[in-house]
N, C-alpha and C. Protein backbone atom coordinates (compact mmCIF):
# COMPACT_ATOMS: atom_id res chain seq x y z
N MET A 1 40.95 164.48 118.90
CA MET A 1 42.04 163.91 119.67
C MET A 1 41.65 163.95 121.14
N PRO A 2 41.81 162.82 121.84
CA PRO A 2 41.47 162.79 123.26
C PRO A 2 42.28 163.80 124.07
N HIS A 3 41.67 164.25 125.15
CA HIS A 3 42.33 165.22 126.04
C HIS A 3 43.42 164.58 126.88
N ILE A 4 43.37 163.28 127.06
CA ILE A 4 44.39 162.55 127.80
C ILE A 4 44.87 161.39 126.94
N ARG A 5 45.99 160.82 127.30
CA ARG A 5 46.52 159.69 126.53
C ARG A 5 45.71 158.44 126.89
N LEU A 6 44.98 157.94 125.89
CA LEU A 6 44.14 156.76 126.08
C LEU A 6 44.71 155.59 125.29
N PRO A 7 44.39 154.37 125.69
CA PRO A 7 44.86 153.21 124.94
C PRO A 7 44.42 153.30 123.47
N GLU A 8 45.30 152.98 122.57
CA GLU A 8 44.98 153.03 121.15
C GLU A 8 44.17 151.81 120.73
N GLY A 9 43.41 151.98 119.67
CA GLY A 9 42.66 150.88 119.12
C GLY A 9 41.31 150.65 119.79
N ARG A 10 40.93 151.53 120.70
CA ARG A 10 39.63 151.41 121.38
C ARG A 10 38.94 152.75 121.27
N ALA A 11 37.64 152.72 121.04
CA ALA A 11 36.87 153.95 120.86
C ALA A 11 35.97 154.20 122.06
N GLY A 12 35.52 155.45 122.17
CA GLY A 12 34.52 155.83 123.16
C GLY A 12 34.83 155.36 124.55
N ILE A 13 33.78 154.94 125.24
CA ILE A 13 33.93 154.56 126.65
C ILE A 13 34.84 153.35 126.82
N ARG A 14 34.96 152.52 125.80
CA ARG A 14 35.82 151.35 125.91
C ARG A 14 37.27 151.76 126.18
N SER A 15 37.71 152.87 125.58
CA SER A 15 39.08 153.34 125.85
C SER A 15 39.20 153.85 127.29
N LEU A 16 38.14 154.45 127.80
CA LEU A 16 38.16 154.96 129.17
C LEU A 16 38.14 153.81 130.19
N LEU A 17 37.45 152.75 129.86
CA LEU A 17 37.42 151.58 130.75
C LEU A 17 38.80 150.94 130.83
N ASP A 18 39.50 150.93 129.70
CA ASP A 18 40.87 150.40 129.69
C ASP A 18 41.81 151.33 130.46
N TYR A 19 41.61 152.63 130.32
CA TYR A 19 42.48 153.59 130.98
C TYR A 19 42.38 153.50 132.50
N ARG A 20 41.17 153.31 132.99
CA ARG A 20 40.95 153.33 134.44
C ARG A 20 40.15 152.08 134.85
N PRO A 21 40.80 150.91 134.84
CA PRO A 21 40.09 149.65 135.10
C PRO A 21 39.37 149.61 136.45
N GLU A 22 39.87 150.34 137.43
CA GLU A 22 39.23 150.30 138.75
C GLU A 22 37.85 150.96 138.75
N THR A 23 37.59 151.84 137.78
CA THR A 23 36.24 152.41 137.67
C THR A 23 35.40 151.66 136.64
N ALA A 24 36.05 150.85 135.81
CA ALA A 24 35.33 150.11 134.76
C ALA A 24 34.29 149.17 135.35
N GLY A 25 34.65 148.45 136.40
CA GLY A 25 33.72 147.49 136.99
C GLY A 25 32.41 148.13 137.44
N PRO A 26 32.47 149.16 138.29
CA PRO A 26 31.23 149.78 138.73
C PRO A 26 30.41 150.41 137.59
N LEU A 27 31.10 151.03 136.63
CA LEU A 27 30.39 151.66 135.52
C LEU A 27 29.67 150.63 134.64
N THR A 28 30.36 149.54 134.35
CA THR A 28 29.72 148.53 133.51
C THR A 28 28.68 147.73 134.28
N GLU A 29 28.89 147.55 135.57
CA GLU A 29 27.87 146.87 136.37
C GLU A 29 26.58 147.68 136.40
N LEU A 30 26.70 149.00 136.53
CA LEU A 30 25.52 149.86 136.51
C LEU A 30 24.80 149.73 135.16
N ALA A 31 25.53 149.80 134.07
CA ALA A 31 24.91 149.66 132.74
C ALA A 31 24.25 148.30 132.60
N GLU A 32 24.90 147.26 133.08
CA GLU A 32 24.34 145.90 132.99
C GLU A 32 23.02 145.80 133.75
N ILE A 33 22.98 146.34 134.95
CA ILE A 33 21.76 146.29 135.76
C ILE A 33 20.65 147.10 135.10
N LEU A 34 20.97 148.32 134.70
CA LEU A 34 19.95 149.20 134.15
C LEU A 34 19.41 148.75 132.80
N LEU A 35 20.28 148.25 131.94
CA LEU A 35 19.89 147.98 130.56
C LEU A 35 19.62 146.50 130.26
N ARG A 36 20.12 145.62 131.11
CA ARG A 36 19.96 144.19 130.83
C ARG A 36 19.39 143.40 132.01
N GLY A 37 19.33 144.03 133.17
CA GLY A 37 18.83 143.33 134.35
C GLY A 37 17.33 143.11 134.30
N PRO A 38 16.80 142.42 135.30
CA PRO A 38 15.36 142.17 135.35
C PRO A 38 14.57 143.48 135.33
N SER A 39 13.54 143.51 134.51
CA SER A 39 12.70 144.70 134.38
C SER A 39 11.45 144.35 133.60
N THR A 40 10.41 145.10 133.84
CA THR A 40 9.20 144.95 133.03
C THR A 40 9.33 145.73 131.72
N LEU A 41 10.34 146.58 131.62
CA LEU A 41 10.66 147.22 130.34
C LEU A 41 11.61 146.30 129.59
N SER A 42 11.40 146.17 128.30
CA SER A 42 12.29 145.31 127.53
C SER A 42 13.68 145.93 127.44
N ARG A 43 14.65 145.10 127.13
CA ARG A 43 16.00 145.61 126.93
C ARG A 43 16.03 146.64 125.81
N GLY A 44 15.30 146.39 124.75
CA GLY A 44 15.24 147.34 123.65
C GLY A 44 14.65 148.68 124.07
N GLU A 45 13.59 148.65 124.88
CA GLU A 45 12.99 149.89 125.37
C GLU A 45 13.98 150.68 126.23
N ARG A 46 14.71 149.98 127.08
CA ARG A 46 15.68 150.66 127.94
C ARG A 46 16.83 151.23 127.10
N GLU A 47 17.23 150.52 126.06
CA GLU A 47 18.25 151.05 125.15
C GLU A 47 17.73 152.27 124.40
N LEU A 48 16.43 152.30 124.09
CA LEU A 48 15.85 153.49 123.45
C LEU A 48 15.97 154.71 124.36
N ILE A 49 15.74 154.52 125.64
CA ILE A 49 15.88 155.63 126.59
C ILE A 49 17.32 156.13 126.59
N ALA A 50 18.27 155.20 126.64
CA ALA A 50 19.69 155.57 126.61
C ALA A 50 20.04 156.29 125.31
N THR A 51 19.50 155.81 124.20
CA THR A 51 19.76 156.42 122.89
C THR A 51 19.21 157.84 122.84
N ARG A 52 17.98 158.01 123.28
CA ARG A 52 17.34 159.33 123.23
C ARG A 52 18.11 160.35 124.08
N VAL A 53 18.47 159.98 125.30
CA VAL A 53 19.20 160.90 126.18
C VAL A 53 20.56 161.22 125.56
N SER A 54 21.25 160.22 125.05
CA SER A 54 22.55 160.43 124.43
C SER A 54 22.43 161.35 123.22
N HIS A 55 21.37 161.17 122.45
CA HIS A 55 21.12 162.04 121.29
C HIS A 55 20.91 163.49 121.75
N LEU A 56 20.07 163.67 122.77
CA LEU A 56 19.82 165.03 123.27
C LEU A 56 21.09 165.67 123.81
N ASN A 57 21.98 164.85 124.38
CA ASN A 57 23.25 165.37 124.89
C ASN A 57 24.29 165.56 123.79
N GLY A 58 23.98 165.13 122.58
CA GLY A 58 24.91 165.30 121.47
C GLY A 58 26.11 164.38 121.54
N CYS A 59 26.01 163.28 122.26
CA CYS A 59 27.11 162.33 122.37
C CYS A 59 26.99 161.31 121.24
N ARG A 60 27.76 161.52 120.20
CA ARG A 60 27.64 160.69 119.01
C ARG A 60 27.99 159.23 119.28
N TYR A 61 29.07 158.99 120.02
CA TYR A 61 29.46 157.61 120.31
C TYR A 61 28.34 156.87 121.04
N CYS A 62 27.84 157.44 122.12
CA CYS A 62 26.80 156.76 122.90
C CYS A 62 25.49 156.66 122.12
N THR A 63 25.15 157.71 121.36
CA THR A 63 23.93 157.65 120.56
C THR A 63 24.02 156.51 119.56
N ASP A 64 25.09 156.46 118.80
CA ASP A 64 25.20 155.46 117.74
C ASP A 64 25.35 154.04 118.30
N SER A 65 26.09 153.90 119.39
CA SER A 65 26.25 152.56 119.95
C SER A 65 24.93 152.06 120.54
N HIS A 66 24.25 152.87 121.33
CA HIS A 66 23.00 152.41 121.95
C HIS A 66 21.87 152.33 120.94
N ALA A 67 21.94 153.11 119.88
CA ALA A 67 20.96 152.95 118.79
C ALA A 67 21.13 151.57 118.15
N ALA A 68 22.37 151.16 117.96
CA ALA A 68 22.64 149.82 117.40
C ALA A 68 22.17 148.74 118.37
N PHE A 69 22.40 148.95 119.66
CA PHE A 69 21.99 147.96 120.66
C PHE A 69 20.46 147.86 120.70
N ALA A 70 19.77 149.00 120.64
CA ALA A 70 18.30 149.00 120.64
C ALA A 70 17.76 148.34 119.38
N ALA A 71 18.30 148.73 118.23
CA ALA A 71 17.82 148.18 116.96
C ALA A 71 17.95 146.67 116.92
N ALA A 72 19.02 146.15 117.50
CA ALA A 72 19.24 144.71 117.50
C ALA A 72 18.26 143.96 118.40
N GLN A 73 17.59 144.70 119.29
CA GLN A 73 16.70 144.05 120.26
C GLN A 73 15.23 144.39 120.06
N LEU A 74 14.93 145.18 119.05
CA LEU A 74 13.55 145.56 118.78
C LEU A 74 13.12 145.02 117.42
N PRO A 75 11.93 144.44 117.33
CA PRO A 75 11.50 143.88 116.04
C PRO A 75 11.46 144.91 114.92
N GLU A 76 11.19 146.17 115.26
CA GLU A 76 11.09 147.23 114.25
C GLU A 76 12.46 147.76 113.82
N GLY A 77 13.50 147.39 114.54
CA GLY A 77 14.86 147.71 114.17
C GLY A 77 15.22 149.18 114.14
N ALA A 78 16.17 149.49 113.25
CA ALA A 78 16.76 150.83 113.19
C ALA A 78 15.76 151.91 112.80
N ALA A 79 14.76 151.59 112.00
CA ALA A 79 13.79 152.61 111.59
C ALA A 79 13.07 153.19 112.81
N LEU A 80 12.66 152.32 113.72
CA LEU A 80 11.99 152.79 114.93
C LEU A 80 12.96 153.58 115.80
N VAL A 81 14.16 153.08 115.94
CA VAL A 81 15.15 153.77 116.78
C VAL A 81 15.39 155.18 116.25
N ASP A 82 15.51 155.33 114.95
CA ASP A 82 15.72 156.65 114.36
C ASP A 82 14.54 157.57 114.63
N GLN A 83 13.33 157.04 114.55
CA GLN A 83 12.15 157.86 114.84
C GLN A 83 12.14 158.32 116.29
N VAL A 84 12.43 157.42 117.20
CA VAL A 84 12.44 157.76 118.63
C VAL A 84 13.55 158.75 118.93
N ARG A 85 14.69 158.54 118.31
CA ARG A 85 15.83 159.44 118.54
C ARG A 85 15.45 160.87 118.18
N GLU A 86 14.75 161.04 117.08
CA GLU A 86 14.42 162.38 116.61
C GLU A 86 13.19 162.99 117.29
N ASP A 87 12.13 162.20 117.47
CA ASP A 87 10.91 162.73 118.08
C ASP A 87 10.02 161.60 118.59
N PRO A 88 10.19 161.25 119.85
CA PRO A 88 9.40 160.14 120.38
C PRO A 88 7.90 160.37 120.36
N THR A 89 7.46 161.63 120.37
CA THR A 89 6.02 161.91 120.42
C THR A 89 5.31 161.47 119.15
N THR A 90 6.02 161.41 118.03
CA THR A 90 5.40 160.99 116.77
C THR A 90 5.80 159.58 116.37
N SER A 91 6.57 158.91 117.19
CA SER A 91 7.03 157.56 116.86
C SER A 91 5.95 156.54 117.22
N PRO A 92 5.96 155.40 116.54
CA PRO A 92 4.95 154.37 116.80
C PRO A 92 5.31 153.45 117.97
N VAL A 93 5.55 154.06 119.14
CA VAL A 93 5.81 153.27 120.34
C VAL A 93 4.60 153.39 121.25
N PRO A 94 4.42 152.46 122.17
CA PRO A 94 3.28 152.53 123.10
C PRO A 94 3.30 153.83 123.91
N GLU A 95 2.12 154.25 124.32
CA GLU A 95 1.98 155.49 125.09
C GLU A 95 2.81 155.47 126.37
N LYS A 96 2.90 154.32 127.00
CA LYS A 96 3.72 154.23 128.21
C LYS A 96 5.16 154.59 127.92
N LEU A 97 5.71 154.07 126.83
CA LEU A 97 7.09 154.37 126.48
C LEU A 97 7.24 155.84 126.10
N LYS A 98 6.26 156.40 125.39
CA LYS A 98 6.31 157.83 125.07
C LYS A 98 6.37 158.66 126.35
N ALA A 99 5.55 158.28 127.33
CA ALA A 99 5.53 159.03 128.60
C ALA A 99 6.86 158.88 129.34
N LEU A 100 7.44 157.68 129.32
CA LEU A 100 8.74 157.48 129.96
C LEU A 100 9.83 158.26 129.23
N LEU A 101 9.75 158.30 127.91
CA LEU A 101 10.73 159.09 127.15
C LEU A 101 10.59 160.58 127.46
N ALA A 102 9.38 161.05 127.74
CA ALA A 102 9.19 162.46 128.13
C ALA A 102 9.86 162.71 129.48
N ILE A 103 9.78 161.74 130.38
CA ILE A 103 10.49 161.85 131.66
C ILE A 103 11.99 161.90 131.40
N ALA A 104 12.49 161.01 130.55
CA ALA A 104 13.92 160.98 130.24
C ALA A 104 14.37 162.31 129.64
N ASP A 105 13.56 162.88 128.75
CA ASP A 105 13.88 164.18 128.16
C ASP A 105 14.01 165.25 129.25
N ALA A 106 13.10 165.20 130.22
CA ALA A 106 13.15 166.18 131.32
C ALA A 106 14.40 165.98 132.17
N VAL A 107 14.73 164.74 132.48
CA VAL A 107 15.93 164.45 133.26
C VAL A 107 17.17 164.97 132.53
N GLN A 108 17.21 164.81 131.22
CA GLN A 108 18.36 165.26 130.44
C GLN A 108 18.60 166.75 130.63
N ILE A 109 17.54 167.51 130.77
CA ILE A 109 17.67 168.96 131.01
C ILE A 109 18.15 169.20 132.44
N GLY A 110 17.54 168.48 133.37
CA GLY A 110 17.89 168.60 134.79
C GLY A 110 16.87 167.85 135.62
N GLY A 111 17.32 167.27 136.71
CA GLY A 111 16.44 166.46 137.53
C GLY A 111 15.17 167.17 137.98
N LYS A 112 15.28 168.44 138.29
CA LYS A 112 14.12 169.19 138.77
C LYS A 112 13.13 169.52 137.65
N GLU A 113 13.49 169.19 136.42
CA GLU A 113 12.58 169.40 135.29
C GLU A 113 11.49 168.34 135.23
N VAL A 114 11.70 167.22 135.94
CA VAL A 114 10.66 166.19 136.00
C VAL A 114 9.55 166.72 136.89
N GLN A 115 8.39 166.88 136.32
CA GLN A 115 7.25 167.46 137.02
C GLN A 115 6.19 166.40 137.31
N ASP A 116 5.27 166.73 138.19
CA ASP A 116 4.16 165.81 138.49
C ASP A 116 3.43 165.42 137.22
N LYS A 117 3.29 166.34 136.27
CA LYS A 117 2.56 166.04 135.04
C LYS A 117 3.25 164.92 134.25
N HIS A 118 4.57 164.89 134.27
CA HIS A 118 5.31 163.81 133.59
C HIS A 118 5.00 162.45 134.23
N VAL A 119 5.08 162.43 135.55
CA VAL A 119 4.85 161.18 136.29
C VAL A 119 3.39 160.76 136.17
N ASP A 120 2.47 161.73 136.27
CA ASP A 120 1.05 161.42 136.13
C ASP A 120 0.75 160.83 134.75
N MET A 121 1.36 161.40 133.72
CA MET A 121 1.15 160.90 132.36
C MET A 121 1.68 159.47 132.23
N ALA A 122 2.84 159.21 132.81
CA ALA A 122 3.41 157.86 132.75
C ALA A 122 2.52 156.87 133.50
N ARG A 123 2.06 157.26 134.67
CA ARG A 123 1.18 156.37 135.43
C ARG A 123 -0.13 156.11 134.69
N ALA A 124 -0.68 157.16 134.10
CA ALA A 124 -1.93 157.02 133.35
C ALA A 124 -1.76 156.08 132.16
N ALA A 125 -0.55 156.01 131.63
CA ALA A 125 -0.27 155.12 130.50
C ALA A 125 0.12 153.72 130.96
N GLY A 126 0.14 153.49 132.28
CA GLY A 126 0.41 152.16 132.81
C GLY A 126 1.80 151.94 133.38
N ALA A 127 2.62 152.97 133.47
CA ALA A 127 3.97 152.80 134.02
C ALA A 127 3.90 152.57 135.52
N THR A 128 4.74 151.67 135.99
CA THR A 128 4.83 151.38 137.42
C THR A 128 5.86 152.31 138.06
N ASP A 129 5.85 152.34 139.38
CA ASP A 129 6.86 153.13 140.08
C ASP A 129 8.27 152.64 139.74
N ALA A 130 8.44 151.33 139.63
CA ALA A 130 9.76 150.79 139.29
C ALA A 130 10.19 151.23 137.89
N GLU A 131 9.27 151.27 136.95
CA GLU A 131 9.61 151.71 135.59
C GLU A 131 9.96 153.19 135.57
N ILE A 132 9.23 153.99 136.33
CA ILE A 132 9.53 155.42 136.41
C ILE A 132 10.90 155.61 137.06
N HIS A 133 11.15 154.90 138.14
CA HIS A 133 12.46 154.95 138.81
C HIS A 133 13.57 154.61 137.84
N ASP A 134 13.42 153.48 137.15
CA ASP A 134 14.48 153.02 136.26
C ASP A 134 14.68 153.97 135.09
N CYS A 135 13.62 154.55 134.58
CA CYS A 135 13.73 155.53 133.50
C CYS A 135 14.56 156.73 133.95
N VAL A 136 14.25 157.24 135.12
CA VAL A 136 15.01 158.39 135.64
C VAL A 136 16.47 158.01 135.85
N LEU A 137 16.72 156.84 136.40
CA LEU A 137 18.10 156.42 136.65
C LEU A 137 18.86 156.17 135.34
N ILE A 138 18.21 155.57 134.35
CA ILE A 138 18.86 155.38 133.04
C ILE A 138 19.22 156.74 132.45
N ALA A 139 18.26 157.66 132.46
CA ALA A 139 18.51 158.99 131.88
C ALA A 139 19.63 159.71 132.63
N ALA A 140 19.61 159.66 133.95
CA ALA A 140 20.66 160.32 134.74
C ALA A 140 22.02 159.67 134.49
N ALA A 141 22.05 158.34 134.46
CA ALA A 141 23.31 157.63 134.23
C ALA A 141 23.87 157.97 132.85
N PHE A 142 23.00 158.07 131.86
CA PHE A 142 23.50 158.37 130.52
C PHE A 142 23.96 159.82 130.38
N CYS A 143 23.41 160.70 131.16
CA CYS A 143 23.99 162.05 131.20
C CYS A 143 25.44 161.95 131.68
N MET A 144 25.68 161.13 132.70
CA MET A 144 27.05 160.94 133.21
C MET A 144 27.93 160.26 132.16
N TYR A 145 27.46 159.14 131.61
CA TYR A 145 28.27 158.42 130.62
C TYR A 145 28.60 159.33 129.43
N ASN A 146 27.61 160.08 128.95
CA ASN A 146 27.83 160.98 127.81
C ASN A 146 28.87 162.03 128.13
N ARG A 147 28.80 162.60 129.30
CA ARG A 147 29.76 163.64 129.68
C ARG A 147 31.15 163.05 129.89
N TYR A 148 31.21 161.84 130.36
CA TYR A 148 32.49 161.13 130.54
C TYR A 148 33.14 160.91 129.17
N VAL A 149 32.39 160.37 128.23
CA VAL A 149 32.91 160.08 126.89
C VAL A 149 33.32 161.36 126.16
N ASP A 150 32.44 162.36 126.16
CA ASP A 150 32.73 163.60 125.43
C ASP A 150 33.66 164.53 126.19
N GLY A 151 33.61 164.50 127.52
CA GLY A 151 34.47 165.37 128.32
C GLY A 151 35.94 165.06 128.17
N LEU A 152 36.24 163.81 127.79
CA LEU A 152 37.63 163.43 127.55
C LEU A 152 37.93 163.29 126.05
N ALA A 153 36.97 163.70 125.23
CA ALA A 153 37.12 163.74 123.77
C ALA A 153 37.59 162.39 123.21
N THR A 154 36.90 161.33 123.60
CA THR A 154 37.26 160.01 123.08
C THR A 154 37.01 159.96 121.57
N VAL A 155 37.65 159.01 120.92
CA VAL A 155 37.53 158.89 119.47
C VAL A 155 36.34 158.01 119.12
N LEU A 156 35.86 158.19 117.90
CA LEU A 156 34.79 157.36 117.37
C LEU A 156 35.39 156.16 116.66
N PRO A 157 34.62 155.08 116.53
CA PRO A 157 35.12 153.93 115.77
C PRO A 157 35.49 154.34 114.34
N ASP A 158 36.41 153.59 113.75
CA ASP A 158 36.84 153.86 112.38
C ASP A 158 35.73 153.61 111.36
N SER A 159 34.83 152.70 111.68
CA SER A 159 33.79 152.29 110.73
C SER A 159 32.44 152.26 111.42
N PRO A 160 31.39 152.67 110.72
CA PRO A 160 30.05 152.54 111.30
C PRO A 160 29.68 151.09 111.62
N ASP A 161 30.30 150.14 110.90
CA ASP A 161 30.04 148.72 111.16
C ASP A 161 30.50 148.31 112.55
N ALA A 162 31.38 149.09 113.15
CA ALA A 162 31.86 148.77 114.49
C ALA A 162 30.71 148.76 115.49
N TYR A 163 29.70 149.59 115.28
CA TYR A 163 28.57 149.63 116.20
C TYR A 163 27.77 148.34 116.14
N THR A 164 27.65 147.76 114.96
CA THR A 164 26.96 146.48 114.82
C THR A 164 27.73 145.39 115.54
N ALA A 165 29.04 145.40 115.40
CA ALA A 165 29.88 144.42 116.09
C ALA A 165 29.75 144.59 117.61
N MET A 166 29.71 145.84 118.07
CA MET A 166 29.53 146.09 119.51
C MET A 166 28.18 145.55 119.97
N ALA A 167 27.14 145.77 119.15
CA ALA A 167 25.80 145.29 119.51
C ALA A 167 25.81 143.77 119.64
N ASP A 168 26.45 143.09 118.72
CA ASP A 168 26.54 141.63 118.80
C ASP A 168 27.20 141.20 120.10
N ARG A 169 28.29 141.88 120.48
CA ARG A 169 29.01 141.56 121.71
C ARG A 169 28.16 141.81 122.95
N ILE A 170 27.48 142.96 122.97
CA ILE A 170 26.66 143.30 124.13
C ILE A 170 25.50 142.32 124.27
N LEU A 171 24.84 141.98 123.16
CA LEU A 171 23.74 141.03 123.22
C LEU A 171 24.18 139.66 123.70
N THR A 172 25.37 139.26 123.32
CA THR A 172 25.89 137.95 123.69
C THR A 172 26.48 137.93 125.09
N ASN A 173 27.29 138.93 125.41
CA ASN A 173 28.10 138.90 126.63
C ASN A 173 27.74 139.94 127.67
N GLY A 174 26.96 140.94 127.31
CA GLY A 174 26.59 141.98 128.26
C GLY A 174 27.62 143.09 128.37
N TYR A 175 27.32 144.06 129.20
CA TYR A 175 28.18 145.23 129.36
C TYR A 175 29.45 144.93 130.12
N GLN A 176 29.43 143.98 131.00
CA GLN A 176 30.62 143.70 131.78
C GLN A 176 31.70 143.03 130.94
N ASP A 177 31.36 142.65 129.73
CA ASP A 177 32.35 142.16 128.77
C ASP A 177 33.36 143.26 128.45
N SER A 178 33.01 144.52 128.72
CA SER A 178 33.89 145.65 128.43
C SER A 178 34.94 145.88 129.50
N VAL A 179 34.84 145.20 130.63
CA VAL A 179 35.79 145.40 131.72
C VAL A 179 37.14 144.79 131.33
N PRO A 180 38.22 145.57 131.44
CA PRO A 180 39.54 145.04 131.10
C PRO A 180 39.82 143.73 131.85
N GLY A 181 40.34 142.77 131.10
CA GLY A 181 40.64 141.48 131.68
C GLY A 181 39.46 140.53 131.71
N GLN A 182 38.26 141.03 131.38
CA GLN A 182 37.06 140.20 131.37
C GLN A 182 36.34 140.27 130.03
N ARG A 183 37.00 140.68 128.98
CA ARG A 183 36.32 140.90 127.72
C ARG A 183 36.97 140.09 126.61
N THR A 184 36.19 139.97 125.55
CA THR A 184 36.76 139.44 124.31
C THR A 184 37.30 140.63 123.55
N GLU A 185 38.25 140.42 122.70
CA GLU A 185 38.84 141.56 121.97
C GLU A 185 37.91 142.03 120.88
N GLY A 186 38.03 143.32 120.56
CA GLY A 186 37.24 143.84 119.44
C GLY A 186 36.91 145.25 119.57
């Protein structure tokens, strides 16, 4: 049960966006830029970073939703997402992404946990400064989103199929579709 009275019929962060529309715009704009904006990392790769951090934080709503979003955007689908969620070091992703996921893992613990060795490994695997920057910002933002969702004890969707429907919406309309007054229902 949520810690505060939230709009009924909406799960996770979507209920929080409805509750506080004035913060919904900036929060969804940040997600849109980080996960769907121009980048040399694919949208699926960026969703994997969000999924991994959310998994490490134990945020079931964000883990399951971003896992669905990543799976829908990666040719290898849910099987790869599940492997990365559990242990990126043994997953069949490029070395650059493994190194970026190691940075994200460090950020999840705390910003000062990112060491020169993490950055050096990412650079050696071909990561650019912009990719390293964006990885750190995605990981940090998802620590915030996860704590927001779980700190107010939002509810989970009634059905696991809801995550697939959310993925379809995000792929079609983006994150700002979640802003009250600017979204399709669902």
